[in-house]
C-alpha cells in the first residue's frame, strides 16, 4: 500500500511539473503550447510497417498477427525548438500505426484505430521508477544546487544521462532507437528496438562547425528526397525477472541472454517531408505507448506514470491549441 501511495504522489508531482512547464513555455516562446518533452520537431514522414510473413505462431500476437499498417513517423529532439542540433540531446522516434483493429487501452479511445510505439536513441531510462522521476524533475526545476544533490544520491541516473549526452548522431536515418522500458507481449514481456537497415546513400556531414543548427532535419529531408529508407523492428524478451526487471528501468537487458528478434520492417518511401501542413498535422497528434492493444500494454512504474502524465499533457496542449482531442481515423496515402 505504501508503494502504491508513493507512486500516486510521484505521478501527481510529475503531472503538476509537466503542465507547469508547458504553461510557462506557452508564455515564453509563442502563442502555441508545446509538448513538455521531445518538443523539437526534426521531421515527419509517411511509412508502412510490414510484419514479417514468416513469423512463428508464438510471435503472431496483437499488431504482429497482421500483415502491414500505414504509419506516421515523428522524429524529434528532447529540447526546445530554438536549440541547435549541435548540442547533444536525446532523439525520439514516434511511430503511429493506422487502421489497427481492436479495443485500445486508454479511456475514451476504445474505438481508436491507432497503435503507437515510442522510442529514444538510448536503450535504458535514466531513473528506475516514477518516484525517482518526480524527484529528478523537481530538482531540475529548483536549480543547479538541488540537481547536484540529486545526482550525488542517484549516481546511476547521473551516469546514464552522461551516456545520453555524449551521443552525437550523424543522421536520424542512421540512429538506433529503443523503447528503454518494457511492454507486455501477450503473457510475456519485451523491450523494443529499431535499427536502420537501409539508410539511403551515404552523405558525409563534414565538420560540426559547418553543419548548421538544424542539420538533422535538413539531412533527413535530403535523404528521403533522394532515396527510400528502412528500419528493422525488434523484440527482446524478458528471460529472467531478476536480471531483466520490470520495475527498474535503468537496468539494461542483456543481449547475450536474450538476443533481439527481427519481427517487422518500417519502410519510408521517397518523399518530401516539407509538404504543406504535414509537420503541423503530426505535431498536433499525441504519441504514447498507451495508444495500444491490451496485448502490448506498457508495464512498470515509469510507464504507469506516463499513462496519466502523457494523457493529461496531450489534452492540455490540444485544448489550448484548439486541436481536436482524440486519435486520427484517416489512413495515410502514400505517393
C-alpha atoms as a PDB file:
ATOM      1  CA  UNK A   1       0.000   0.000   0.000  1.00  0.00           C
ATOM      2  CA  UNK A   2       2.838   2.403   0.877  1.00  0.00           C
ATOM      3  CA  UNK A   3       4.455   1.766  -2.511  1.00  0.00           C
ATOM      4  CA  UNK A   4       1.161   2.488  -4.297  1.00  0.00           C
ATOM      5  CA  UNK A   5       0.674   5.707  -2.312  1.00  0.00           C
ATOM      6  CA  UNK A   6       4.229   6.894  -3.040  1.00  0.00           C
ATOM      7  CA  UNK A   7       3.812   6.177  -6.750  1.00  0.00           C
ATOM      8  CA  UNK A   8       0.499   8.057  -6.842  1.00  0.00           C
ATOM      9  CA  UNK A   9       2.170  11.012  -5.113  1.00  0.00           C
ATOM     10  CA  UNK A  10       5.001  10.885  -7.655  1.00  0.00           C
ATOM     11  CA  UNK A  11       2.528  10.861 -10.556  1.00  0.00           C
ATOM     12  CA  UNK A  12       0.712  13.869  -9.079  1.00  0.00           C
ATOM     13  CA  UNK A  13       4.035  15.705  -8.735  1.00  0.00           C
ATOM     14  CA  UNK A  14       5.029  14.864 -12.319  1.00  0.00           C
ATOM     15  CA  UNK A  15       1.649  15.990 -13.588  1.00  0.00           C
ATOM     16  CA  UNK A  16       1.994  19.339 -11.857  1.00  0.00           C
ATOM     17  CA  UNK A  17       5.553  19.738 -13.166  1.00  0.00           C
ATOM     18  CA  UNK A  18       4.786  18.831 -16.779  1.00  0.00           C
ATOM     19  CA  UNK A  19       1.692  21.023 -17.066  1.00  0.00           C
ATOM     20  CA  UNK A  20       3.565  23.882 -15.362  1.00  0.00           C
ATOM     21  CA  UNK A  21       6.456  23.602 -17.813  1.00  0.00           C
ATOM     22  CA  UNK A  22       4.030  23.646 -20.751  1.00  0.00           C
ATOM     23  CA  UNK A  23       2.231  26.715 -19.398  1.00  0.00           C
ATOM     24  CA  UNK A  24       5.483  28.642 -18.906  1.00  0.00           C
ATOM     25  CA  UNK A  25       6.704  27.781 -22.391  1.00  0.00           C
ATOM     26  CA  UNK A  26       3.355  28.907 -23.801  1.00  0.00           C
ATOM     27  CA  UNK A  27       4.086  32.392 -22.470  1.00  0.00           C
ATOM     28  CA  UNK A  28       7.825  32.433 -23.132  1.00  0.00           C
ATOM     29  CA  UNK A  29       8.041  31.004 -26.655  1.00  0.00           C
ATOM     30  CA  UNK A  30       4.963  31.867 -28.702  1.00  0.00           C
ATOM     31  CA  UNK A  31       1.203  31.518 -28.745  1.00  0.00           C
ATOM     32  CA  UNK A  32       1.244  27.717 -29.112  1.00  0.00           C
ATOM     33  CA  UNK A  33       1.536  25.259 -26.261  1.00  0.00           C
ATOM     34  CA  UNK A  34       4.366  22.804 -26.876  1.00  0.00           C
ATOM     35  CA  UNK A  35       4.999  19.294 -25.598  1.00  0.00           C
ATOM     36  CA  UNK A  36       6.776  19.084 -22.232  1.00  0.00           C
ATOM     37  CA  UNK A  37       9.366  16.649 -23.690  1.00  0.00           C
ATOM     38  CA  UNK A  38      10.697  15.803 -27.161  1.00  0.00           C
ATOM     39  CA  UNK A  39       9.242  19.050 -28.437  1.00  0.00           C
ATOM     40  CA  UNK A  40      11.790  19.929 -31.139  1.00  0.00           C
ATOM     41  CA  UNK A  41      10.358  18.604 -34.438  1.00  0.00           C
ATOM     42  CA  UNK A  42      13.065  17.026 -36.581  1.00  0.00           C
ATOM     43  CA  UNK A  43      10.710  15.863 -39.309  1.00  0.00           C
ATOM     44  CA  UNK A  44       7.743  13.664 -40.043  1.00  0.00           C
ATOM     45  CA  UNK A  45       7.346  11.004 -42.707  1.00  0.00           C
ATOM     46  CA  UNK A  46       4.781   8.614 -44.123  1.00  0.00           C
ATOM     47  CA  UNK A  47       5.646   4.954 -43.987  1.00  0.00           C
ATOM     48  CA  UNK A  48       4.500   1.351 -43.980  1.00  0.00           C
ATOM     49  CA  UNK A  49       5.054  -1.009 -41.039  1.00  0.00           C
ATOM     50  CA  UNK A  50       5.408  -4.502 -42.524  1.00  0.00           C
ATOM     51  CA  UNK A  51       5.300  -7.555 -40.273  1.00  0.00           C
ATOM     52  CA  UNK A  52       7.494 -10.460 -41.319  1.00  0.00           C
ATOM     53  CA  UNK A  53       5.441 -13.082 -43.151  1.00  0.00           C
ATOM     54  CA  UNK A  54       7.477 -15.952 -41.710  1.00  0.00           C
ATOM     55  CA  UNK A  55       6.964 -15.212 -38.008  1.00  0.00           C
ATOM     56  CA  UNK A  56       6.349 -18.321 -35.891  1.00  0.00           C
ATOM     57  CA  UNK A  57       2.927 -18.645 -34.296  1.00  0.00           C
ATOM     58  CA  UNK A  58       4.096 -17.594 -30.821  1.00  0.00           C
ATOM     59  CA  UNK A  59       5.182 -14.198 -32.187  1.00  0.00           C
ATOM     60  CA  UNK A  60       1.927 -13.511 -34.025  1.00  0.00           C
ATOM     61  CA  UNK A  61       0.468 -11.523 -31.150  1.00  0.00           C
ATOM     62  CA  UNK A  62      -1.613  -8.347 -31.394  1.00  0.00           C
ATOM     63  CA  UNK A  63      -0.169  -5.983 -34.010  1.00  0.00           C
ATOM     64  CA  UNK A  64       2.179  -8.722 -35.185  1.00  0.00           C
ATOM     65  CA  UNK A  65      -0.673 -11.022 -36.186  1.00  0.00           C
ATOM     66  CA  UNK A  66      -1.363  -8.751 -39.193  1.00  0.00           C
ATOM     67  CA  UNK A  67       0.491  -8.160 -42.463  1.00  0.00           C
ATOM     68  CA  UNK A  68       1.135  -4.410 -42.533  1.00  0.00           C
ATOM     69  CA  UNK A  69      -0.138  -0.991 -41.499  1.00  0.00           C
ATOM     70  CA  UNK A  70       0.314   2.512 -42.898  1.00  0.00           C
ATOM     71  CA  UNK A  71       2.113   4.722 -40.403  1.00  0.00           C
ATOM     72  CA  UNK A  72       3.060   8.235 -39.486  1.00  0.00           C
ATOM     73  CA  UNK A  73       6.573   8.685 -38.120  1.00  0.00           C
ATOM     74  CA  UNK A  74       7.718  11.621 -35.995  1.00  0.00           C
ATOM     75  CA  UNK A  75      11.421  12.293 -35.365  1.00  0.00           C
ATOM     76  CA  UNK A  76      12.137  14.734 -32.539  1.00  0.00           C
ATOM     77  CA  UNK A  77      14.723  16.129 -30.170  1.00  0.00           C
ATOM     78  CA  UNK A  78      14.312  16.365 -26.403  1.00  0.00           C
ATOM     79  CA  UNK A  79      14.991  20.094 -26.339  1.00  0.00           C
ATOM     80  CA  UNK A  80      13.275  23.353 -27.231  1.00  0.00           C
ATOM     81  CA  UNK A  81      12.963  24.087 -30.981  1.00  0.00           C
ATOM     82  CA  UNK A  82      15.367  27.047 -30.760  1.00  0.00           C
ATOM     83  CA  UNK A  83      18.277  24.878 -29.597  1.00  0.00           C
ATOM     84  CA  UNK A  84      20.830  23.702 -32.120  1.00  0.00           C
ATOM     85  CA  UNK A  85      21.261  20.076 -33.155  1.00  0.00           C
ATOM     86  CA  UNK A  86      24.960  20.531 -32.482  1.00  0.00           C
ATOM     87  CA  UNK A  87      24.203  20.431 -28.764  1.00  0.00           C
ATOM     88  CA  UNK A  88      23.979  16.855 -27.565  1.00  0.00           C
ATOM     89  CA  UNK A  89      20.363  15.960 -26.873  1.00  0.00           C
ATOM     90  CA  UNK A  90      18.298  12.818 -26.814  1.00  0.00           C
ATOM     91  CA  UNK A  91      16.401  11.977 -30.006  1.00  0.00           C
ATOM     92  CA  UNK A  92      12.944  10.460 -30.137  1.00  0.00           C
ATOM     93  CA  UNK A  93      11.071   8.314 -32.634  1.00  0.00           C
ATOM     94  CA  UNK A  94       7.292   8.053 -32.524  1.00  0.00           C
ATOM     95  CA  UNK A  95       5.567   5.525 -34.782  1.00  0.00           C
ATOM     96  CA  UNK A  96       1.789   5.728 -35.136  1.00  0.00           C
ATOM     97  CA  UNK A  97       0.233   2.769 -36.919  1.00  0.00           C
ATOM     98  CA  UNK A  98      -3.129   3.477 -38.588  1.00  0.00           C
ATOM     99  CA  UNK A  99      -6.046   1.141 -39.170  1.00  0.00           C
ATOM    100  CA  UNK A 100      -5.242  -1.154 -36.234  1.00  0.00           C
ATOM    101  CA  UNK A 101      -8.424  -3.005 -35.193  1.00  0.00           C
ATOM    102  CA  UNK A 102      -9.271  -3.944 -31.633  1.00  0.00           C
ATOM    103  CA  UNK A 103     -10.116  -2.280 -28.339  1.00  0.00           C
ATOM    104  CA  UNK A 104      -7.419   0.112 -27.086  1.00  0.00           C
ATOM    105  CA  UNK A 105      -6.253   0.777 -23.548  1.00  0.00           C
ATOM    106  CA  UNK A 106      -6.912   4.483 -22.947  1.00  0.00           C
ATOM    107  CA  UNK A 107     -10.287   5.534 -21.581  1.00  0.00           C
ATOM    108  CA  UNK A 108     -12.355   7.269 -24.221  1.00  0.00           C
ATOM    109  CA  UNK A 109     -10.250   5.847 -27.060  1.00  0.00           C
ATOM    110  CA  UNK A 110     -11.564   2.282 -27.065  1.00  0.00           C
ATOM    111  CA  UNK A 111     -12.652   2.595 -30.710  1.00  0.00           C
ATOM    112  CA  UNK A 112      -9.463   4.264 -31.929  1.00  0.00           C
ATOM    113  CA  UNK A 113      -7.691   2.637 -34.869  1.00  0.00           C
ATOM    114  CA  UNK A 114      -4.126   3.596 -33.934  1.00  0.00           C
ATOM    115  CA  UNK A 115      -1.249   1.902 -32.126  1.00  0.00           C
ATOM    116  CA  UNK A 116       1.887   3.800 -31.051  1.00  0.00           C
ATOM    117  CA  UNK A 117       5.497   2.843 -30.458  1.00  0.00           C
ATOM    118  CA  UNK A 118       7.526   5.473 -28.563  1.00  0.00           C
ATOM    119  CA  UNK A 119      11.312   5.177 -28.626  1.00  0.00           C
ATOM    120  CA  UNK A 120      14.522   7.112 -27.925  1.00  0.00           C
ATOM    121  CA  UNK A 121      18.115   6.751 -29.082  1.00  0.00           C
ATOM    122  CA  UNK A 122      19.276   5.186 -25.796  1.00  0.00           C
ATOM    123  CA  UNK A 123      18.457   1.713 -24.553  1.00  0.00           C
ATOM    124  CA  UNK A 124      17.663   2.396 -20.881  1.00  0.00           C
ATOM    125  CA  UNK A 125      15.771   5.049 -18.946  1.00  0.00           C
ATOM    126  CA  UNK A 126      17.775   7.251 -16.605  1.00  0.00           C
ATOM    127  CA  UNK A 127      15.732   6.563 -13.424  1.00  0.00           C
ATOM    128  CA  UNK A 128      14.144   3.370 -12.169  1.00  0.00           C
ATOM    129  CA  UNK A 129      10.631   4.488 -11.324  1.00  0.00           C
ATOM    130  CA  UNK A 130       8.070   7.283 -11.080  1.00  0.00           C
ATOM    131  CA  UNK A 131       9.264   8.379  -7.638  1.00  0.00           C
ATOM    132  CA  UNK A 132      12.808   8.978  -8.848  1.00  0.00           C
ATOM    133  CA  UNK A 133      11.484  10.684 -11.984  1.00  0.00           C
ATOM    134  CA  UNK A 134       9.470  13.089  -9.829  1.00  0.00           C
ATOM    135  CA  UNK A 135      12.483  13.772  -7.595  1.00  0.00           C
ATOM    136  CA  UNK A 136      14.665  14.486 -10.624  1.00  0.00           C
ATOM    137  CA  UNK A 137      12.065  16.779 -12.223  1.00  0.00           C
ATOM    138  CA  UNK A 138      11.658  18.774  -9.028  1.00  0.00           C
ATOM    139  CA  UNK A 139      15.427  19.090  -8.594  1.00  0.00           C
ATOM    140  CA  UNK A 140      15.949  20.152 -12.225  1.00  0.00           C
ATOM    141  CA  UNK A 141      13.404  22.958 -11.824  1.00  0.00           C
ATOM    142  CA  UNK A 142      14.790  24.042  -8.456  1.00  0.00           C
ATOM    143  CA  UNK A 143      18.292  24.843  -9.733  1.00  0.00           C
ATOM    144  CA  UNK A 144      21.856  23.616 -10.081  1.00  0.00           C
ATOM    145  CA  UNK A 145      22.451  23.013  -6.382  1.00  0.00           C
ATOM    146  CA  UNK A 146      19.386  20.820  -5.958  1.00  0.00           C
ATOM    147  CA  UNK A 147      20.198  18.944  -9.176  1.00  0.00           C
ATOM    148  CA  UNK A 148      23.738  18.296  -7.968  1.00  0.00           C
ATOM    149  CA  UNK A 149      22.341  16.920  -4.709  1.00  0.00           C
ATOM    150  CA  UNK A 150      20.023  14.605  -6.647  1.00  0.00           C
ATOM    151  CA  UNK A 151      22.906  13.255  -8.732  1.00  0.00           C
ATOM    152  CA  UNK A 152      25.017  12.758  -5.607  1.00  0.00           C
ATOM    153  CA  UNK A 153      22.390  10.387  -4.243  1.00  0.00           C
ATOM    154  CA  UNK A 154      21.474   8.879  -7.630  1.00  0.00           C
ATOM    155  CA  UNK A 155      24.808   8.083  -9.327  1.00  0.00           C
ATOM    156  CA  UNK A 156      23.191   5.674 -11.813  1.00  0.00           C
ATOM    157  CA  UNK A 157      20.952   8.451 -13.131  1.00  0.00           C
ATOM    158  CA  UNK A 158      23.962  10.752 -13.470  1.00  0.00           C
ATOM    159  CA  UNK A 159      25.933   8.108 -15.380  1.00  0.00           C
ATOM    160  CA  UNK A 160      23.083   7.295 -17.790  1.00  0.00           C
ATOM    161  CA  UNK A 161      22.377  10.960 -18.504  1.00  0.00           C
ATOM    162  CA  UNK A 162      26.078  11.399 -19.250  1.00  0.00           C
ATOM    163  CA  UNK A 163      25.925   8.474 -21.688  1.00  0.00           C
ATOM    164  CA  UNK A 164      22.921  10.049 -23.386  1.00  0.00           C
ATOM    165  CA  UNK A 165      24.566  13.477 -23.553  1.00  0.00           C
ATOM    166  CA  UNK A 166      27.719  12.047 -25.138  1.00  0.00           C
ATOM    167  CA  UNK A 167      25.851  10.882 -28.253  1.00  0.00           C
ATOM    168  CA  UNK A 168      26.058  12.932 -31.452  1.00  0.00           C
ATOM    169  CA  UNK A 169      24.055  11.286 -34.215  1.00  0.00           C
ATOM    170  CA  UNK A 170      25.166  11.807 -37.819  1.00  0.00           C
ATOM    171  CA  UNK A 171      21.661  11.295 -39.184  1.00  0.00           C
ATOM    172  CA  UNK A 172      18.223  10.373 -37.930  1.00  0.00           C
ATOM    173  CA  UNK A 173      18.212   7.585 -40.524  1.00  0.00           C
ATOM    174  CA  UNK A 174      21.473   6.175 -39.147  1.00  0.00           C
ATOM    175  CA  UNK A 175      20.396   6.168 -35.484  1.00  0.00           C
ATOM    176  CA  UNK A 176      19.083   3.226 -33.495  1.00  0.00           C
ATOM    177  CA  UNK A 177      16.103   3.703 -31.197  1.00  0.00           C
ATOM    178  CA  UNK A 178      14.845   1.782 -28.167  1.00  0.00           C
ATOM    179  CA  UNK A 179      11.729   1.621 -26.013  1.00  0.00           C
ATOM    180  CA  UNK A 180      14.013   1.689 -22.919  1.00  0.00           C
ATOM    181  CA  UNK A 181      11.068   0.500 -20.798  1.00  0.00           C
ATOM    182  CA  UNK A 182       9.173  -2.813 -21.095  1.00  0.00           C
ATOM    183  CA  UNK A 183       5.807  -3.764 -22.568  1.00  0.00           C
ATOM    184  CA  UNK A 184       3.579  -6.801 -22.418  1.00  0.00           C
ATOM    185  CA  UNK A 185       3.625  -9.214 -25.328  1.00  0.00           C
ATOM    186  CA  UNK A 186       0.637 -11.385 -24.619  1.00  0.00           C
ATOM    187  CA  UNK A 187       1.590 -13.215 -21.429  1.00  0.00           C
ATOM    188  CA  UNK A 188       5.278 -12.302 -21.778  1.00  0.00           C
ATOM    189  CA  UNK A 189       7.288  -9.070 -21.592  1.00  0.00           C
ATOM    190  CA  UNK A 190       9.528  -7.372 -24.145  1.00  0.00           C
ATOM    191  CA  UNK A 191      11.505  -4.272 -24.959  1.00  0.00           C
ATOM    192  CA  UNK A 192      11.544  -2.802 -28.474  1.00  0.00           C
ATOM    193  CA  UNK A 193      14.427  -1.719 -30.681  1.00  0.00           C
ATOM    194  CA  UNK A 194      14.508  -0.063 -34.118  1.00  0.00           C
ATOM    195  CA  UNK A 195      17.692  -0.179 -36.177  1.00  0.00           C
ATOM    196  CA  UNK A 196      18.438   1.186 -39.649  1.00  0.00           C
ATOM    197  CA  UNK A 197      18.742  -1.443 -42.368  1.00  0.00           C
ATOM    198  CA  UNK A 198      18.550   0.792 -45.466  1.00  0.00           C
ATOM    199  CA  UNK A 199      19.527   4.359 -44.599  1.00  0.00           C
ATOM    200  CA  UNK A 200      19.959   5.504 -48.206  1.00  0.00           C
ATOM    201  CA  UNK A 201      23.047   6.881 -49.849  1.00  0.00           C
ATOM    202  CA  UNK A 202      25.945   7.947 -47.662  1.00  0.00           C
ATOM    203  CA  UNK A 203      26.076  11.695 -47.099  1.00  0.00           C
ATOM    204  CA  UNK A 204      29.137  12.763 -45.085  1.00  0.00           C
ATOM    205  CA  UNK A 205      28.211  15.647 -42.826  1.00  0.00           C
ATOM    206  CA  UNK A 206      31.587  17.349 -42.616  1.00  0.00           C
ATOM    207  CA  UNK A 207      32.866  19.155 -39.524  1.00  0.00           C
ATOM    208  CA  UNK A 208      30.327  20.070 -36.870  1.00  0.00           C
ATOM    209  CA  UNK A 209      31.032  23.760 -37.382  1.00  0.00           C
ATOM    210  CA  UNK A 210      29.785  23.515 -40.983  1.00  0.00           C
ATOM    211  CA  UNK A 211      26.614  21.518 -40.380  1.00  0.00           C
ATOM    212  CA  UNK A 212      24.291  24.291 -39.260  1.00  0.00           C
ATOM    213  CA  UNK A 213      21.967  24.371 -36.256  1.00  0.00           C
ATOM    214  CA  UNK A 214      19.235  22.171 -37.790  1.00  0.00           C
ATOM    215  CA  UNK A 215      21.359  19.714 -39.741  1.00  0.00           C
ATOM    216  CA  UNK A 216      19.387  16.645 -38.622  1.00  0.00           C
ATOM    217  CA  UNK A 217      16.171  17.857 -40.226  1.00  0.00           C
ATOM    218  CA  UNK A 218      17.983  19.016 -43.366  1.00  0.00           C
ATOM    219  CA  UNK A 219      19.771  15.685 -43.671  1.00  0.00           C
ATOM    220  CA  UNK A 220      16.502  13.777 -43.222  1.00  0.00           C
ATOM    221  CA  UNK A 221      14.806  15.771 -45.972  1.00  0.00           C
ATOM    222  CA  UNK A 222      17.710  15.397 -48.406  1.00  0.00           C
ATOM    223  CA  UNK A 223      17.998  11.659 -47.836  1.00  0.00           C
ATOM    224  CA  UNK A 224      14.285  10.975 -48.271  1.00  0.00           C
ATOM    225  CA  UNK A 225      14.071  13.171 -51.363  1.00  0.00           C
ATOM    226  CA  UNK A 226      16.858  11.063 -52.847  1.00  0.00           C
ATOM    227  CA  UNK A 227      16.007   7.519 -51.723  1.00  0.00           C
ATOM    228  CA  UNK A 228      13.805   5.385 -49.504  1.00  0.00           C
ATOM    229  CA  UNK A 229      14.877   4.296 -46.028  1.00  0.00           C
ATOM    230  CA  UNK A 230      14.128   1.269 -43.881  1.00  0.00           C
ATOM    231  CA  UNK A 231      14.346   0.370 -40.212  1.00  0.00           C
ATOM    232  CA  UNK A 232      14.127  -3.137 -38.769  1.00  0.00           C
ATOM    233  CA  UNK A 233      11.898  -3.522 -35.714  1.00  0.00           C
ATOM    234  CA  UNK A 234      12.995  -5.953 -32.974  1.00  0.00           C
ATOM    235  CA  UNK A 235      11.651  -7.581 -29.826  1.00  0.00           C
ATOM    236  CA  UNK A 236      13.803  -8.517 -26.842  1.00  0.00           C
ATOM    237  CA  UNK A 237      12.065 -10.935 -24.490  1.00  0.00           C
ATOM    238  CA  UNK A 238      12.463 -10.971 -20.736  1.00  0.00           C
ATOM    239  CA  UNK A 239      14.222 -14.243 -19.894  1.00  0.00           C
ATOM    240  CA  UNK A 240      14.984 -13.682 -16.206  1.00  0.00           C
ATOM    241  CA  UNK A 241      12.825 -11.453 -13.956  1.00  0.00           C
ATOM    242  CA  UNK A 242      15.788 -10.818 -11.654  1.00  0.00           C
ATOM    243  CA  UNK A 243      18.396  -9.694 -14.190  1.00  0.00           C
ATOM    244  CA  UNK A 244      15.738  -8.270 -16.543  1.00  0.00           C
ATOM    245  CA  UNK A 245      13.416  -6.497 -14.106  1.00  0.00           C
ATOM    246  CA  UNK A 246      10.154  -4.767 -14.998  1.00  0.00           C
ATOM    247  CA  UNK A 247      10.249  -2.194 -12.190  1.00  0.00           C
ATOM    248  CA  UNK A 248      13.860  -0.979 -12.613  1.00  0.00           C
ATOM    249  CA  UNK A 249      14.034   0.993 -15.850  1.00  0.00           C
ATOM    250  CA  UNK A 250      17.768   1.734 -15.576  1.00  0.00           C
ATOM    251  CA  UNK A 251      18.721  -1.946 -15.922  1.00  0.00           C
ATOM    252  CA  UNK A 252      19.955  -2.964 -19.362  1.00  0.00           C
ATOM    253  CA  UNK A 253      18.617  -6.306 -20.550  1.00  0.00           C
ATOM    254  CA  UNK A 254      21.490  -8.474 -21.744  1.00  0.00           C
ATOM    255  CA  UNK A 255      21.537  -9.187 -25.475  1.00  0.00           C
ATOM    256  CA  UNK A 256      23.705 -12.241 -24.886  1.00  0.00           C
ATOM    257  CA  UNK A 257      20.985 -13.720 -22.662  1.00  0.00           C
ATOM    258  CA  UNK A 258      18.110 -12.533 -24.857  1.00  0.00           C
ATOM    259  CA  UNK A 259      19.052 -11.516 -28.415  1.00  0.00           C
ATOM    260  CA  UNK A 260      16.800  -9.112 -30.301  1.00  0.00           C
ATOM    261  CA  UNK A 261      14.387 -10.819 -32.706  1.00  0.00           C
ATOM    262  CA  UNK A 262      13.548  -9.127 -36.009  1.00  0.00           C
ATOM    263  CA  UNK A 263       9.747  -9.069 -36.381  1.00  0.00           C
ATOM    264  CA  UNK A 264       8.898  -6.183 -38.717  1.00  0.00           C
ATOM    265  CA  UNK A 265      10.289  -3.502 -41.023  1.00  0.00           C
ATOM    266  CA  UNK A 266       9.379   0.184 -41.148  1.00  0.00           C
ATOM    267  CA  UNK A 267       9.669   1.428 -44.742  1.00  0.00           C
ATOM    268  CA  UNK A 268       9.850   5.142 -45.544  1.00  0.00           C
ATOM    269  CA  UNK A 269       9.310   5.782 -49.253  1.00  0.00           C
ATOM    270  CA  UNK A 270      10.985   8.615 -51.141  1.00  0.00           C
ATOM    271  CA  UNK A 271       9.094  11.750 -50.170  1.00  0.00           C
ATOM    272  CA  UNK A 272       9.255  15.415 -49.285  1.00  0.00           C
ATOM    273  CA  UNK A 273       8.888  15.808 -45.523  1.00  0.00           C
ATOM    274  CA  UNK A 274       8.128  19.513 -46.015  1.00  0.00           C
ATOM    275  CA  UNK A 275       4.768  19.106 -47.721  1.00  0.00           C
ATOM    276  CA  UNK A 276       2.413  21.908 -46.610  1.00  0.00           C
ATOM    277  CA  UNK A 277       0.789  21.162 -43.283  1.00  0.00           C
ATOM    278  CA  UNK A 278       2.448  17.781 -42.739  1.00  0.00           C
ATOM    279  CA  UNK A 279       4.674  18.777 -39.816  1.00  0.00           C
ATOM    280  CA  UNK A 280       1.887  20.692 -38.099  1.00  0.00           C
ATOM    281  CA  UNK A 281      -0.589  17.838 -38.567  1.00  0.00           C
ATOM    282  CA  UNK A 282       1.685  15.285 -36.922  1.00  0.00           C
ATOM    283  CA  UNK A 283       2.855  17.655 -34.183  1.00  0.00           C
ATOM    284  CA  UNK A 284      -0.801  18.107 -33.204  1.00  0.00           C
ATOM    285  CA  UNK A 285      -1.039  14.355 -32.572  1.00  0.00           C
ATOM    286  CA  UNK A 286      -0.307  12.587 -29.319  1.00  0.00           C
ATOM    287  CA  UNK A 287       2.266   9.773 -29.143  1.00  0.00           C
ATOM    288  CA  UNK A 288       2.150   7.447 -26.142  1.00  0.00           C
ATOM    289  CA  UNK A 289       2.759   3.774 -25.506  1.00  0.00           C
ATOM    290  CA  UNK A 290      -0.764   3.673 -24.076  1.00  0.00           C
ATOM    291  CA  UNK A 291      -2.277   4.092 -27.544  1.00  0.00           C
ATOM    292  CA  UNK A 292      -2.079   0.328 -27.694  1.00  0.00           C
ATOM    293  CA  UNK A 293      -3.801  -3.013 -27.816  1.00  0.00           C
ATOM    294  CA  UNK A 294      -4.048  -4.752 -24.421  1.00  0.00           C
ATOM    295  CA  UNK A 295      -1.683  -7.444 -25.697  1.00  0.00           C
ATOM    296  CA  UNK A 296       1.034  -4.770 -25.806  1.00  0.00           C
ATOM    297  CA  UNK A 297       0.213  -2.909 -22.568  1.00  0.00           C
ATOM    298  CA  UNK A 298       3.027  -0.771 -21.131  1.00  0.00           C
ATOM    299  CA  UNK A 299       4.326  -2.145 -17.825  1.00  0.00           C
ATOM    300  CA  UNK A 300       6.469  -0.846 -14.981  1.00  0.00           C
ATOM    301  CA  UNK A 301       6.390   2.247 -12.790  1.00  0.00           C
ATOM    302  CA  UNK A 302       7.651   4.708 -15.437  1.00  0.00           C
ATOM    303  CA  UNK A 303       5.008   3.533 -17.888  1.00  0.00           C
ATOM    304  CA  UNK A 304       2.240   3.736 -15.295  1.00  0.00           C
ATOM    305  CA  UNK A 305       3.202   7.357 -14.659  1.00  0.00           C
ATOM    306  CA  UNK A 306       3.275   8.042 -18.397  1.00  0.00           C
ATOM    307  CA  UNK A 307      -0.327   6.872 -18.737  1.00  0.00           C
ATOM    308  CA  UNK A 308      -1.568   9.737 -16.582  1.00  0.00           C
ATOM    309  CA  UNK A 309       1.001  12.411 -17.392  1.00  0.00           C
ATOM    310  CA  UNK A 310       1.131  11.939 -21.174  1.00  0.00           C
ATOM    311  CA  UNK A 311      -2.667  11.878 -21.497  1.00  0.00           C
ATOM    312  CA  UNK A 312      -3.146  14.988 -19.371  1.00  0.00           C
ATOM    313  CA  UNK A 313      -0.309  16.841 -21.125  1.00  0.00           C
ATOM    314  CA  UNK A 314      -1.642  15.987 -24.584  1.00  0.00           C
ATOM    315  CA  UNK A 315      -5.191  17.001 -23.700  1.00  0.00           C
ATOM    316  CA  UNK A 316      -3.997  20.281 -22.182  1.00  0.00           C
ATOM    317  CA  UNK A 317      -1.831  21.092 -25.205  1.00  0.00           C
ATOM    318  CA  UNK A 318      -4.537  20.344 -27.728  1.00  0.00           C
ATOM    319  CA  UNK A 319      -7.232  22.229 -25.834  1.00  0.00           C
ATOM    320  CA  UNK A 320      -5.033  25.327 -25.642  1.00  0.00           C
ATOM    321  CA  UNK A 321      -4.085  24.995 -29.316  1.00  0.00           C
ATOM    322  CA  UNK A 322      -7.722  24.428 -30.368  1.00  0.00           C
ATOM    323  CA  UNK A 323      -6.935  20.989 -31.771  1.00  0.00           C
ATOM    324  CA  UNK A 324      -9.489  18.157 -31.507  1.00  0.00           C
ATOM    325  CA  UNK A 325      -8.708  15.666 -28.756  1.00  0.00           C
ATOM    326  CA  UNK A 326      -8.591  12.068 -29.941  1.00  0.00           C
ATOM    327  CA  UNK A 327      -6.842   9.760 -32.351  1.00  0.00           C
ATOM    328  CA  UNK A 328      -6.899  10.174 -36.170  1.00  0.00           C
ATOM    329  CA  UNK A 329      -9.072   7.817 -38.163  1.00  0.00           C
ATOM    330  CA  UNK A 330      -7.861   8.593 -41.681  1.00  0.00           C
ATOM    331  CA  UNK A 331      -5.348   6.386 -43.467  1.00  0.00           C
ATOM    332  CA  UNK A 332      -2.041   7.502 -44.921  1.00  0.00           C
ATOM    333  CA  UNK A 333      -1.963   7.934 -48.665  1.00  0.00           C
ATOM    334  CA  UNK A 334       1.489   7.095 -49.976  1.00  0.00           C
ATOM    335  CA  UNK A 335       2.710   8.858 -53.094  1.00  0.00           C
END
